[in-house]
Amino acid sequence: MAVVIRLARFGTKHKPKYRVTVADSRRYVTGKFIEVVGHYIPKVGVQKESLNVDHAKIDSWIKKGAQPTDRVKHLLKKASQSVSN
């Protein structure tokens, strides 16, 4: 089973919100998932972008062999830079 860490969209029309999920790569993006490891709300209007992730869970899944998608890699890199600043 190939496990990936990816974004699953939820929310309403024109107000997207995403869950950072760990899921089987063969499943539909918004279908069944193994675990939710965070939330991402992109910048919409005057609202600030927010990213809440559990870095310990993500690290443990990566050690188990889960592959983050390109977008999730970018978000995690951005989050780690904002924490260090």
C-alpha atoms as a PDB file:
ATOM      1  CA  MET A   1       0.000   0.000   0.000  1.00  0.00           C
ATOM      2  CA  ALA A   2       1.450   3.368  -1.038  1.00  0.00           C
ATOM      3  CA  VAL A   3       0.714   5.993   1.594  1.00  0.00           C
ATOM      4  CA  VAL A   4       0.718   9.712   0.788  1.00  0.00           C
ATOM      5  CA  ILE A   5       0.327  12.909   2.769  1.00  0.00           C
ATOM      6  CA  ARG A   6      -1.946  15.207   0.775  1.00  0.00           C
ATOM      7  CA  LEU A   7      -4.549  17.954   0.936  1.00  0.00           C
ATOM      8  CA  ALA A   8      -8.261  17.138   0.932  1.00  0.00           C
ATOM      9  CA  ARG A   9     -10.558  20.059   0.165  1.00  0.00           C
ATOM     10  CA  PHE A  10     -13.641  20.831   2.212  1.00  0.00           C
ATOM     11  CA  GLY A  11     -15.500  24.046   2.984  1.00  0.00           C
ATOM     12  CA  THR A  12     -17.942  25.963   0.862  1.00  0.00           C
ATOM     13  CA  LYS A  13     -17.897  27.434  -2.596  1.00  0.00           C
ATOM     14  CA  HIS A  14     -15.327  30.273  -2.872  1.00  0.00           C
ATOM     15  CA  LYS A  15     -14.161  29.622   0.727  1.00  0.00           C
ATOM     16  CA  PRO A  16     -11.787  26.661   0.470  1.00  0.00           C
ATOM     17  CA  LYS A  17     -10.344  24.872   3.472  1.00  0.00           C
ATOM     18  CA  TYR A  18      -8.081  21.871   3.342  1.00  0.00           C
ATOM     19  CA  ARG A  19      -7.266  18.981   5.649  1.00  0.00           C
ATOM     20  CA  VAL A  20      -3.729  17.634   5.582  1.00  0.00           C
ATOM     21  CA  THR A  21      -4.438  13.900   5.496  1.00  0.00           C
ATOM     22  CA  VAL A  22      -2.524  10.640   5.410  1.00  0.00           C
ATOM     23  CA  ALA A  23      -4.208   8.297   2.948  1.00  0.00           C
ATOM     24  CA  ASP A  24      -3.760   5.364   0.599  1.00  0.00           C
ATOM     25  CA  SER A  25      -2.706   6.790  -2.776  1.00  0.00           C
ATOM     26  CA  ARG A  26      -5.292   4.662  -4.586  1.00  0.00           C
ATOM     27  CA  ARG A  27      -8.195   6.300  -2.734  1.00  0.00           C
ATOM     28  CA  TYR A  28     -10.123   9.310  -4.004  1.00  0.00           C
ATOM     29  CA  VAL A  29      -8.682  12.583  -2.656  1.00  0.00           C
ATOM     30  CA  THR A  30     -11.678  13.437  -0.465  1.00  0.00           C
ATOM     31  CA  GLY A  31     -12.511   9.809   0.280  1.00  0.00           C
ATOM     32  CA  LYS A  32     -11.334   7.572   3.089  1.00  0.00           C
ATOM     33  CA  PHE A  33      -8.158   8.556   4.863  1.00  0.00           C
ATOM     34  CA  ILE A  34      -6.013   7.062   7.615  1.00  0.00           C
ATOM     35  CA  GLU A  35      -5.444  10.157   9.743  1.00  0.00           C
ATOM     36  CA  VAL A  36      -5.859  13.936   9.711  1.00  0.00           C
ATOM     37  CA  VAL A  37      -2.555  15.581  10.656  1.00  0.00           C
ATOM     38  CA  GLY A  38      -3.436  19.229  10.117  1.00  0.00           C
ATOM     39  CA  HIS A  39      -5.529  21.967   8.529  1.00  0.00           C
ATOM     40  CA  TYR A  40      -4.726  24.616   5.929  1.00  0.00           C
ATOM     41  CA  ILE A  41      -6.811  27.692   5.141  1.00  0.00           C
ATOM     42  CA  PRO A  42      -5.427  29.714   2.200  1.00  0.00           C
ATOM     43  CA  LYS A  43      -5.516  33.502   2.083  1.00  0.00           C
ATOM     44  CA  VAL A  44      -8.985  34.635   1.073  1.00  0.00           C
ATOM     45  CA  GLY A  45      -9.774  38.347   0.951  1.00  0.00           C
ATOM     46  CA  VAL A  46      -8.544  40.080   4.107  1.00  0.00           C
ATOM     47  CA  GLN A  47      -8.225  36.830   6.076  1.00  0.00           C
ATOM     48  CA  LYS A  48      -4.656  35.655   6.718  1.00  0.00           C
ATOM     49  CA  GLU A  49      -3.411  32.285   5.551  1.00  0.00           C
ATOM     50  CA  SER A  50      -3.217  29.721   8.354  1.00  0.00           C
ATOM     51  CA  LEU A  51      -1.555  26.336   8.600  1.00  0.00           C
ATOM     52  CA  ASN A  52      -1.882  24.093  11.642  1.00  0.00           C
ATOM     53  CA  VAL A  53      -0.032  20.773  11.457  1.00  0.00           C
ATOM     54  CA  ASP A  54       1.197  18.219  13.946  1.00  0.00           C
ATOM     55  CA  HIS A  55       4.877  17.958  12.997  1.00  0.00           C
ATOM     56  CA  ALA A  56       5.455  14.917  15.226  1.00  0.00           C
ATOM     57  CA  LYS A  57       2.747  12.922  13.439  1.00  0.00           C
ATOM     58  CA  ILE A  58       3.996  13.992  10.017  1.00  0.00           C
ATOM     59  CA  ASP A  59       7.578  13.012  10.883  1.00  0.00           C
ATOM     60  CA  SER A  60       6.436   9.615  12.147  1.00  0.00           C
ATOM     61  CA  TRP A  61       4.449   8.965   8.941  1.00  0.00           C
ATOM     62  CA  ILE A  62       7.400   9.996   6.769  1.00  0.00           C
ATOM     63  CA  LYS A  63       9.645   7.594   8.735  1.00  0.00           C
ATOM     64  CA  LYS A  64       7.082   4.858   8.022  1.00  0.00           C
ATOM     65  CA  GLY A  65       7.383   5.579   4.292  1.00  0.00           C
ATOM     66  CA  ALA A  66       4.595   8.062   3.519  1.00  0.00           C
ATOM     67  CA  GLN A  67       5.365  10.426   0.645  1.00  0.00           C
ATOM     68  CA  PRO A  68       4.124  14.044   0.889  1.00  0.00           C
ATOM     69  CA  THR A  69       2.811  15.650  -2.284  1.00  0.00           C
ATOM     70  CA  ASP A  70       4.644  18.631  -3.778  1.00  0.00           C
ATOM     71  CA  ARG A  71       2.141  21.111  -2.353  1.00  0.00           C
ATOM     72  CA  VAL A  72       2.361  19.591   1.134  1.00  0.00           C
ATOM     73  CA  LYS A  73       6.180  19.687   0.961  1.00  0.00           C
ATOM     74  CA  HIS A  74       5.972  23.382   0.081  1.00  0.00           C
ATOM     75  CA  LEU A  75       3.568  24.107   2.958  1.00  0.00           C
ATOM     76  CA  LEU A  76       5.675  22.179   5.494  1.00  0.00           C
ATOM     77  CA  LYS A  77       8.807  24.042   4.390  1.00  0.00           C
ATOM     78  CA  LYS A  78       6.956  27.338   4.712  1.00  0.00           C
ATOM     79  CA  ALA A  79       5.663  26.373   8.171  1.00  0.00           C
ATOM     80  CA  SER A  80       9.114  25.386   9.424  1.00  0.00           C
ATOM     81  CA  GLN A  81      10.552  28.719   8.225  1.00  0.00           C
ATOM     82  CA  SER A  82       7.850  30.700  10.028  1.00  0.00           C
ATOM     83  CA  VAL A  83       8.458  28.745  13.259  1.00  0.00           C
ATOM     84  CA  SER A  84      12.216  29.396  13.173  1.00  0.00           C
ATOM     85  CA  ASN A  85      11.744  33.160  12.584  1.00  0.00           C
END
